Amino acid sequence: MSWKLEAAVGCHMGRVRDNNEDNLFFNGRVLELIHPGLRHAQKYEFELEDKDLCFCVFDGMGGEEAGEVASYVAAKTLQRELVGHQDVLLSPRERLFRICESMNLAVCGESERRQNIRMGSTFVLFYFLGDEVYVCNLGDSKAFRLRGEEWMQISEDHVESLPPAFTRGKPRLTQHLGIRPDELQLVPYLAKGRIEAGDQYLLCSDGLTDMVSKEEICRILQSSPDARECVENLIATANDRGGKDNISIILIRIPEES
């Protein structure tokens, strides 16, 4: 069976930040190192057939432009690994774990080249192959699936689990790209599922989920018939609520007639 995918992408600086530390991998495309985001959300159609498709959101961390460097380096590494290296001997799971290691080493290497400036990036991706979809992430950028009335997060948040009395603001990340191998073991979350006609898959940075509740995100997905307009609506809602961070979103829909 040949599956059709509708994919929409949006990236906005938000209303508070004066730089954009997010980056994207959109089936081969990566944003520039210094960028304001995308002026408007964009939509494309793809067919899976015998090829794979990958979509990813990166959320950079670090001061003095280090966040955008980390997310860009990670995105370019993913681009190089997926576009330039097709190792047929590796399973999708093995390939994704190897890509995670490559992205992490690339961010660590860039940090060393910049006199050990602390930098890092979260990431969350979908990798489509045949009738299967893999989700992989490090950090707290999120992946969701809407199937019929079932709305659920399918990524795993890598954050400290502490009682509310011991936390100030957001909990600290326990996993992200940019962890030196001699400091902590990298443990990406990876899961696999089968796609079904009518599915909706959402990737986003926390610029969306910190501003808009999961329940409202679901309602916007259900009420927006066009994928591009849906991404625009999500970004507008996050900005209406304060837009305190950069907002990056990738929405993939499997049409009912697939």
C-alpha atoms as a PDB file:
ATOM      1  CA  MET A   1       0.000   0.000   0.000  1.00  0.00           C
ATOM      2  CA  SER A   2       1.301   3.460  -0.913  1.00  0.00           C
ATOM      3  CA  TRP A   3       0.596   5.932   1.893  1.00  0.00           C
ATOM      4  CA  LYS A   4       0.095   9.622   1.192  1.00  0.00           C
ATOM      5  CA  LEU A   5       1.167  12.214   3.738  1.00  0.00           C
ATOM      6  CA  GLU A   6       0.237  15.864   4.111  1.00  0.00           C
ATOM      7  CA  ALA A   7       2.914  17.714   6.057  1.00  0.00           C
ATOM      8  CA  ALA A   8       2.822  21.327   7.236  1.00  0.00           C
ATOM      9  CA  VAL A   9       5.623  23.220   8.957  1.00  0.00           C
ATOM     10  CA  GLY A  10       5.794  26.500  10.833  1.00  0.00           C
ATOM     11  CA  CYS A  11       8.486  28.297  12.831  1.00  0.00           C
ATOM     12  CA  HIS A  12       7.985  31.630  14.611  1.00  0.00           C
ATOM     13  CA  MET A  13      10.242  33.685  16.867  1.00  0.00           C
ATOM     14  CA  GLY A  14       7.432  34.390  19.326  1.00  0.00           C
ATOM     15  CA  ARG A  15       6.708  37.737  20.950  1.00  0.00           C
ATOM     16  CA  VAL A  16       9.515  37.973  23.523  1.00  0.00           C
ATOM     17  CA  ARG A  17      12.750  36.548  22.104  1.00  0.00           C
ATOM     18  CA  ASP A  18      14.883  38.555  19.680  1.00  0.00           C
ATOM     19  CA  ASN A  19      16.534  35.463  18.213  1.00  0.00           C
ATOM     20  CA  ASN A  20      15.374  32.021  17.125  1.00  0.00           C
ATOM     21  CA  GLU A  21      17.120  29.042  18.710  1.00  0.00           C
ATOM     22  CA  ASP A  22      14.828  26.463  17.095  1.00  0.00           C
ATOM     23  CA  ASN A  23      15.645  24.577  13.929  1.00  0.00           C
ATOM     24  CA  LEU A  24      13.936  21.965  11.768  1.00  0.00           C
ATOM     25  CA  PHE A  25      14.582  19.006   9.558  1.00  0.00           C
ATOM     26  CA  PHE A  26      11.755  18.792   7.065  1.00  0.00           C
ATOM     27  CA  ASN A  27      12.391  15.806   4.801  1.00  0.00           C
ATOM     28  CA  GLY A  28      15.832  17.067   3.807  1.00  0.00           C
ATOM     29  CA  ARG A  29      15.453  20.794   4.447  1.00  0.00           C
ATOM     30  CA  VAL A  30      17.153  22.635   7.322  1.00  0.00           C
ATOM     31  CA  LEU A  31      16.842  26.284   8.370  1.00  0.00           C
ATOM     32  CA  GLU A  32      19.894  28.552   8.235  1.00  0.00           C
ATOM     33  CA  LEU A  33      22.068  29.142  11.307  1.00  0.00           C
ATOM     34  CA  ILE A  34      20.674  32.647  11.817  1.00  0.00           C
ATOM     35  CA  HIS A  35      17.028  32.868  10.833  1.00  0.00           C
ATOM     36  CA  PRO A  36      13.820  34.585  11.961  1.00  0.00           C
ATOM     37  CA  GLY A  37      11.674  31.524  11.327  1.00  0.00           C
ATOM     38  CA  LEU A  38       9.233  31.077   8.465  1.00  0.00           C
ATOM     39  CA  ARG A  39       7.076  33.992   7.357  1.00  0.00           C
ATOM     40  CA  HIS A  40       4.113  31.665   6.847  1.00  0.00           C
ATOM     41  CA  ALA A  41       3.433  28.002   7.498  1.00  0.00           C
ATOM     42  CA  GLN A  42       4.028  25.803   4.468  1.00  0.00           C
ATOM     43  CA  LYS A  43       2.350  22.593   3.347  1.00  0.00           C
ATOM     44  CA  TYR A  44       3.615  19.754   1.169  1.00  0.00           C
ATOM     45  CA  GLU A  45       2.377  16.346   0.057  1.00  0.00           C
ATOM     46  CA  PHE A  46       4.490  13.198   0.015  1.00  0.00           C
ATOM     47  CA  GLU A  47       4.098   9.549  -0.914  1.00  0.00           C
ATOM     48  CA  LEU A  48       5.873   6.952   1.159  1.00  0.00           C
ATOM     49  CA  GLU A  49       6.060   4.078  -1.333  1.00  0.00           C
ATOM     50  CA  ASP A  50       9.456   2.399  -0.769  1.00  0.00           C
ATOM     51  CA  LYS A  51      11.290   5.473   0.548  1.00  0.00           C
ATOM     52  CA  ASP A  52      11.580   6.841   4.061  1.00  0.00           C
ATOM     53  CA  LEU A  53      10.521  10.267   5.305  1.00  0.00           C
ATOM     54  CA  CYS A  54      11.863  12.100   8.340  1.00  0.00           C
ATOM     55  CA  PHE A  55      10.692  15.228  10.162  1.00  0.00           C
ATOM     56  CA  CYS A  56      12.316  16.748  13.245  1.00  0.00           C
ATOM     57  CA  VAL A  57      12.098  19.759  15.571  1.00  0.00           C
ATOM     58  CA  PHE A  58      15.151  21.042  17.472  1.00  0.00           C
ATOM     59  CA  ASP A  59      15.077  23.488  20.401  1.00  0.00           C
ATOM     60  CA  GLY A  60      18.505  24.947  21.153  1.00  0.00           C
ATOM     61  CA  MET A  61      19.791  25.868  24.616  1.00  0.00           C
ATOM     62  CA  GLY A  62      22.619  28.150  25.693  1.00  0.00           C
ATOM     63  CA  GLY A  63      23.520  31.816  25.866  1.00  0.00           C
ATOM     64  CA  GLU A  64      25.419  34.037  23.417  1.00  0.00           C
ATOM     65  CA  GLU A  65      23.881  32.471  20.321  1.00  0.00           C
ATOM     66  CA  ALA A  66      24.950  28.994  21.477  1.00  0.00           C
ATOM     67  CA  GLY A  67      21.381  27.695  21.348  1.00  0.00           C
ATOM     68  CA  GLU A  68      20.920  28.373  17.658  1.00  0.00           C
ATOM     69  CA  VAL A  69      24.377  26.945  16.947  1.00  0.00           C
ATOM     70  CA  ALA A  70      23.547  23.706  18.771  1.00  0.00           C
ATOM     71  CA  SER A  71      20.198  23.224  17.035  1.00  0.00           C
ATOM     72  CA  TYR A  72      21.708  24.058  13.631  1.00  0.00           C
ATOM     73  CA  VAL A  73      24.669  21.705  14.058  1.00  0.00           C
ATOM     74  CA  ALA A  74      22.320  18.910  15.135  1.00  0.00           C
ATOM     75  CA  ALA A  75      19.961  19.526  12.202  1.00  0.00           C
ATOM     76  CA  LYS A  76      22.820  19.563   9.690  1.00  0.00           C
ATOM     77  CA  THR A  77      24.175  16.327  11.157  1.00  0.00           C
ATOM     78  CA  LEU A  78      20.760  14.676  10.794  1.00  0.00           C
ATOM     79  CA  GLN A  79      20.621  15.948   7.207  1.00  0.00           C
ATOM     80  CA  ARG A  80      24.051  14.498   6.436  1.00  0.00           C
ATOM     81  CA  GLU A  81      23.267  11.150   8.053  1.00  0.00           C
ATOM     82  CA  LEU A  82      19.921  10.694   6.304  1.00  0.00           C
ATOM     83  CA  VAL A  83      20.751  12.139   2.904  1.00  0.00           C
ATOM     84  CA  GLY A  84      24.354  11.076   2.551  1.00  0.00           C
ATOM     85  CA  HIS A  85      24.473   7.686   4.283  1.00  0.00           C
ATOM     86  CA  GLN A  86      22.125   4.855   3.388  1.00  0.00           C
ATOM     87  CA  ASP A  87      23.397   1.832   5.328  1.00  0.00           C
ATOM     88  CA  VAL A  88      21.017  -0.959   4.312  1.00  0.00           C
ATOM     89  CA  LEU A  89      22.556  -3.285   6.905  1.00  0.00           C
ATOM     90  CA  LEU A  90      21.199  -1.219   9.789  1.00  0.00           C
ATOM     91  CA  SER A  91      17.664  -1.607  11.088  1.00  0.00           C
ATOM     92  CA  PRO A  92      15.653   1.627  11.499  1.00  0.00           C
ATOM     93  CA  ARG A  93      16.160   1.386  15.255  1.00  0.00           C
ATOM     94  CA  GLU A  94      19.926   0.967  14.915  1.00  0.00           C
ATOM     95  CA  ARG A  95      20.083   3.769  12.388  1.00  0.00           C
ATOM     96  CA  LEU A  96      18.212   6.211  14.615  1.00  0.00           C
ATOM     97  CA  PHE A  97      20.389   5.406  17.620  1.00  0.00           C
ATOM     98  CA  ARG A  98      23.497   5.965  15.502  1.00  0.00           C
ATOM     99  CA  ILE A  99      22.110   9.298  14.299  1.00  0.00           C
ATOM    100  CA  CYS A 100      21.482  10.350  17.925  1.00  0.00           C
ATOM    101  CA  GLU A 101      25.094   9.583  18.781  1.00  0.00           C
ATOM    102  CA  SER A 102      26.333  11.495  15.722  1.00  0.00           C
ATOM    103  CA  MET A 103      24.215  14.551  16.544  1.00  0.00           C
ATOM    104  CA  ASN A 104      25.391  14.516  20.153  1.00  0.00           C
ATOM    105  CA  LEU A 105      29.053  14.245  19.205  1.00  0.00           C
ATOM    106  CA  ALA A 106      28.643  17.052  16.661  1.00  0.00           C
ATOM    107  CA  VAL A 107      27.169  19.409  19.275  1.00  0.00           C
ATOM    108  CA  CYS A 108      29.879  18.461  21.801  1.00  0.00           C
ATOM    109  CA  GLY A 109      32.543  19.014  19.149  1.00  0.00           C
ATOM    110  CA  GLU A 110      31.178  22.458  18.308  1.00  0.00           C
ATOM    111  CA  SER A 111      31.193  23.335  22.002  1.00  0.00           C
ATOM    112  CA  GLU A 112      34.873  22.397  22.231  1.00  0.00           C
ATOM    113  CA  ARG A 113      35.695  24.459  19.149  1.00  0.00           C
ATOM    114  CA  ARG A 114      34.072  27.446  20.862  1.00  0.00           C
ATOM    115  CA  GLN A 115      36.220  27.108  23.997  1.00  0.00           C
ATOM    116  CA  ASN A 116      33.779  24.783  25.752  1.00  0.00           C
ATOM    117  CA  ILE A 117      30.793  27.112  25.685  1.00  0.00           C
ATOM    118  CA  ARG A 118      27.904  25.169  27.166  1.00  0.00           C
ATOM    119  CA  MET A 119      25.357  24.480  24.470  1.00  0.00           C
ATOM    120  CA  GLY A 120      22.712  21.878  23.813  1.00  0.00           C
ATOM    121  CA  SER A 121      19.499  21.103  22.002  1.00  0.00           C
ATOM    122  CA  THR A 122      16.457  18.984  22.480  1.00  0.00           C
ATOM    123  CA  PHE A 123      15.015  17.152  19.513  1.00  0.00           C
ATOM    124  CA  VAL A 124      11.961  15.111  18.609  1.00  0.00           C
ATOM    125  CA  LEU A 125      11.465  13.327  15.295  1.00  0.00           C
ATOM    126  CA  PHE A 126       9.172  11.128  13.256  1.00  0.00           C
ATOM    127  CA  TYR A 127      10.700   8.603  10.873  1.00  0.00           C
ATOM    128  CA  PHE A 128       8.208   7.055   8.449  1.00  0.00           C
ATOM    129  CA  LEU A 129       9.049   3.823   6.656  1.00  0.00           C
ATOM    130  CA  GLY A 130       6.441   1.689   4.902  1.00  0.00           C
ATOM    131  CA  ASP A 131       3.425   1.529   7.185  1.00  0.00           C
ATOM    132  CA  GLU A 132       5.501   2.161  10.302  1.00  0.00           C
ATOM    133  CA  VAL A 133       6.341   5.359  12.150  1.00  0.00           C
ATOM    134  CA  TYR A 134       9.173   5.707  14.660  1.00  0.00           C
ATOM    135  CA  VAL A 135       9.270   8.469  17.251  1.00  0.00           C
ATOM    136  CA  CYS A 136      12.575   9.396  18.866  1.00  0.00           C
ATOM    137  CA  ASN A 137      13.457  12.216  21.250  1.00  0.00           C
ATOM    138  CA  LEU A 138      15.824  13.683  23.802  1.00  0.00           C
ATOM    139  CA  GLY A 139      14.585  16.426  26.110  1.00  0.00           C
ATOM    140  CA  ASP A 140      11.122  17.946  26.408  1.00  0.00           C
ATOM    141  CA  SER A 141      10.132  18.799  22.827  1.00  0.00           C
ATOM    142  CA  LYS A 142       7.032  16.733  22.241  1.00  0.00           C
ATOM    143  CA  ALA A 143       5.359  14.367  19.782  1.00  0.00           C
ATOM    144  CA  PHE A 144       1.617  13.704  19.765  1.00  0.00           C
ATOM    145  CA  ARG A 145      -0.775  11.476  17.849  1.00  0.00           C
ATOM    146  CA  LEU A 146      -4.469  12.068  17.230  1.00  0.00           C
ATOM    147  CA  ARG A 147      -6.259   8.901  16.103  1.00  0.00           C
ATOM    148  CA  GLY A 148     -10.004   9.278  16.003  1.00  0.00           C
ATOM    149  CA  GLU A 149     -10.859  10.632  19.465  1.00  0.00           C
ATOM    150  CA  GLU A 150      -7.663   9.295  21.039  1.00  0.00           C
ATOM    151  CA  TRP A 151      -5.192  12.114  21.714  1.00  0.00           C
ATOM    152  CA  MET A 152      -1.911  11.188  23.345  1.00  0.00           C
ATOM    153  CA  GLN A 153       1.700  12.214  23.765  1.00  0.00           C
ATOM    154  CA  ILE A 154       3.923   9.559  22.191  1.00  0.00           C
ATOM    155  CA  SER A 155       7.313  11.038  23.128  1.00  0.00           C
ATOM    156  CA  GLU A 156       8.918  10.916  26.561  1.00  0.00           C
ATOM    157  CA  ASP A 157       9.859  14.016  28.560  1.00  0.00           C
ATOM    158  CA  HIS A 158      13.401  13.811  29.919  1.00  0.00           C
ATOM    159  CA  VAL A 159      13.026  16.113  32.923  1.00  0.00           C
ATOM    160  CA  GLU A 160      13.760  15.933  36.637  1.00  0.00           C
ATOM    161  CA  SER A 161      10.934  14.485  38.701  1.00  0.00           C
ATOM    162  CA  LEU A 162      10.766  16.630  41.826  1.00  0.00           C
ATOM    163  CA  PRO A 163       7.932  17.701  44.150  1.00  0.00           C
ATOM    164  CA  PRO A 164       6.478  21.125  43.219  1.00  0.00           C
ATOM    165  CA  ALA A 165       7.916  22.661  46.408  1.00  0.00           C
ATOM    166  CA  PHE A 166      11.461  21.944  45.149  1.00  0.00           C
ATOM    167  CA  THR A 167      11.037  23.345  41.643  1.00  0.00           C
ATOM    168  CA  ARG A 168      11.295  26.908  40.437  1.00  0.00           C
ATOM    169  CA  GLY A 169      10.018  27.353  36.925  1.00  0.00           C
ATOM    170  CA  LYS A 170      10.459  24.485  34.520  1.00  0.00           C
ATOM    171  CA  PRO A 171      12.140  21.259  35.678  1.00  0.00           C
ATOM    172  CA  ARG A 172      15.686  20.681  34.470  1.00  0.00           C
ATOM    173  CA  LEU A 173      16.363  18.406  31.524  1.00  0.00           C
ATOM    174  CA  THR A 174      17.969  15.051  32.231  1.00  0.00           C
ATOM    175  CA  GLN A 175      18.727  14.257  28.575  1.00  0.00           C
ATOM    176  CA  HIS A 176      19.554  16.433  25.560  1.00  0.00           C
ATOM    177  CA  LEU A 177      22.035  16.722  22.711  1.00  0.00           C
ATOM    178  CA  GLY A 178      25.341  18.123  23.883  1.00  0.00           C
ATOM    179  CA  ILE A 179      25.979  15.693  26.748  1.00  0.00           C
ATOM    180  CA  ARG A 180      29.646  14.756  26.843  1.00  0.00           C
ATOM    181  CA  PRO A 181      30.125  10.968  26.744  1.00  0.00           C
ATOM    182  CA  ASP A 182      32.362  11.084  29.846  1.00  0.00           C
ATOM    183  CA  GLU A 183      29.690  12.908  31.857  1.00  0.00           C
ATOM    184  CA  LEU A 184      26.458  11.027  31.256  1.00  0.00           C
ATOM    185  CA  GLN A 185      25.141   8.224  29.087  1.00  0.00           C
ATOM    186  CA  LEU A 186      22.903   9.319  26.243  1.00  0.00           C
ATOM    187  CA  VAL A 187      19.579   7.428  26.431  1.00  0.00           C
ATOM    188  CA  PRO A 188      17.203   8.472  23.627  1.00  0.00           C
ATOM    189  CA  TYR A 189      13.561   7.479  23.785  1.00  0.00           C
ATOM    190  CA  LEU A 190      12.499   5.382  20.797  1.00  0.00           C
ATOM    191  CA  ALA A 191       9.165   3.758  19.988  1.00  0.00           C
ATOM    192  CA  LYS A 192       7.478   2.318  16.907  1.00  0.00           C
ATOM    193  CA  GLY A 193       3.882   2.160  15.737  1.00  0.00           C
ATOM    194  CA  ARG A 194       1.796   1.553  12.618  1.00  0.00           C
ATOM    195  CA  ILE A 195       0.122   4.390  10.766  1.00  0.00           C
ATOM    196  CA  GLU A 196      -3.565   4.372   9.973  1.00  0.00           C
ATOM    197  CA  ALA A 197      -5.677   6.448   7.609  1.00  0.00           C
ATOM    198  CA  GLY A 198      -6.902   9.571   9.386  1.00  0.00           C
ATOM    199  CA  ASP A 199      -3.949   9.763  11.797  1.00  0.00           C
ATOM    200  CA  GLN A 200      -2.490  13.136  12.738  1.00  0.00           C
ATOM    201  CA  TYR A 201       1.079  13.404  14.065  1.00  0.00           C
ATOM    202  CA  LEU A 202       2.409  16.576  15.687  1.00  0.00           C
ATOM    203  CA  LEU A 203       5.963  17.613  16.579  1.00  0.00           C
ATOM    204  CA  CYS A 204       6.562  20.835  18.507  1.00  0.00           C
ATOM    205  CA  SER A 205       9.003  22.752  20.648  1.00  0.00           C
ATOM    206  CA  ASP A 206       7.942  23.871  24.112  1.00  0.00           C
ATOM    207  CA  GLY A 207       7.178  27.323  22.730  1.00  0.00           C
ATOM    208  CA  LEU A 208       3.807  25.781  21.873  1.00  0.00           C
ATOM    209  CA  THR A 209       3.148  23.484  24.832  1.00  0.00           C
ATOM    210  CA  ASP A 210       4.224  26.046  27.463  1.00  0.00           C
ATOM    211  CA  MET A 211       1.628  28.477  26.113  1.00  0.00           C
ATOM    212  CA  VAL A 212      -1.227  26.235  24.949  1.00  0.00           C
ATOM    213  CA  SER A 213      -2.709  23.305  26.867  1.00  0.00           C
ATOM    214  CA  LYS A 214      -2.637  19.836  25.349  1.00  0.00           C
ATOM    215  CA  GLU A 215      -6.423  19.789  25.348  1.00  0.00           C
ATOM    216  CA  GLU A 216      -6.623  23.013  23.335  1.00  0.00           C
ATOM    217  CA  ILE A 217      -3.980  21.807  20.897  1.00  0.00           C
ATOM    218  CA  CYS A 218      -6.171  18.767  20.286  1.00  0.00           C
ATOM    219  CA  ARG A 219      -9.238  20.931  19.702  1.00  0.00           C
ATOM    220  CA  ILE A 220      -7.372  23.034  17.149  1.00  0.00           C
ATOM    221  CA  LEU A 221      -6.261  19.910  15.298  1.00  0.00           C
ATOM    222  CA  GLN A 222      -9.808  18.603  15.239  1.00  0.00           C
ATOM    223  CA  SER A 223     -11.307  21.893  14.047  1.00  0.00           C
ATOM    224  CA  SER A 224      -8.777  22.814  11.338  1.00  0.00           C
ATOM    225  CA  PRO A 225      -9.443  20.930   8.073  1.00  0.00           C
ATOM    226  CA  ASP A 226      -6.316  22.273   6.343  1.00  0.00           C
ATOM    227  CA  ALA A 227      -2.910  21.271   7.751  1.00  0.00           C
ATOM    228  CA  ARG A 228      -1.222  24.584   6.928  1.00  0.00           C
ATOM    229  CA  GLU A 229      -4.016  26.607   8.508  1.00  0.00           C
ATOM    230  CA  CYS A 230      -3.889  24.332  11.534  1.00  0.00           C
ATOM    231  CA  VAL A 231      -0.190  25.122  12.085  1.00  0.00           C
ATOM    232  CA  GLU A 232      -0.908  28.837  11.623  1.00  0.00           C
ATOM    233  CA  ASN A 233      -3.733  28.599  14.182  1.00  0.00           C
ATOM    234  CA  LEU A 234      -1.478  26.862  16.705  1.00  0.00           C
ATOM    235  CA  ILE A 235       1.260  29.481  16.329  1.00  0.00           C
ATOM    236  CA  ALA A 236      -1.248  32.350  16.581  1.00  0.00           C
ATOM    237  CA  THR A 237      -2.749  30.852  19.750  1.00  0.00           C
ATOM    238  CA  ALA A 238       0.682  30.470  21.378  1.00  0.00           C
ATOM    239  CA  ASN A 239       1.490  34.082  20.529  1.00  0.00           C
ATOM    240  CA  ASP A 240      -1.880  35.283  21.810  1.00  0.00           C
ATOM    241  CA  ARG A 241      -1.049  33.614  25.151  1.00  0.00           C
ATOM    242  CA  GLY A 242       2.249  35.480  25.419  1.00  0.00           C
ATOM    243  CA  GLY A 243       4.599  33.898  22.871  1.00  0.00           C
ATOM    244  CA  LYS A 244       7.380  33.678  25.461  1.00  0.00           C
ATOM    245  CA  ASP A 245       9.565  31.315  23.418  1.00  0.00           C
ATOM    246  CA  ASN A 246      10.285  30.337  19.838  1.00  0.00           C
ATOM    247  CA  ILE A 247       7.515  28.183  18.355  1.00  0.00           C
ATOM    248  CA  SER A 248       8.236  25.344  15.926  1.00  0.00           C
ATOM    249  CA  ILE A 249       5.607  22.906  14.673  1.00  0.00           C
ATOM    250  CA  ILE A 250       5.448  20.085  12.153  1.00  0.00           C
ATOM    251  CA  LEU A 251       2.071  18.480  11.503  1.00  0.00           C
ATOM    252  CA  ILE A 252       1.714  15.289   9.462  1.00  0.00           C
ATOM    253  CA  ARG A 253      -1.702  14.027   8.393  1.00  0.00           C
ATOM    254  CA  ILE A 254      -2.572  10.681   6.783  1.00  0.00           C
ATOM    255  CA  PRO A 255      -5.636  11.423   4.622  1.00  0.00           C
ATOM    256  CA  GLU A 256      -8.617   9.142   5.024  1.00  0.00           C
ATOM    257  CA  GLU A 257      -8.390   8.081   1.360  1.00  0.00           C
ATOM    258  CA  SER A 258      -4.755   6.837   1.739  1.00  0.00           C
END
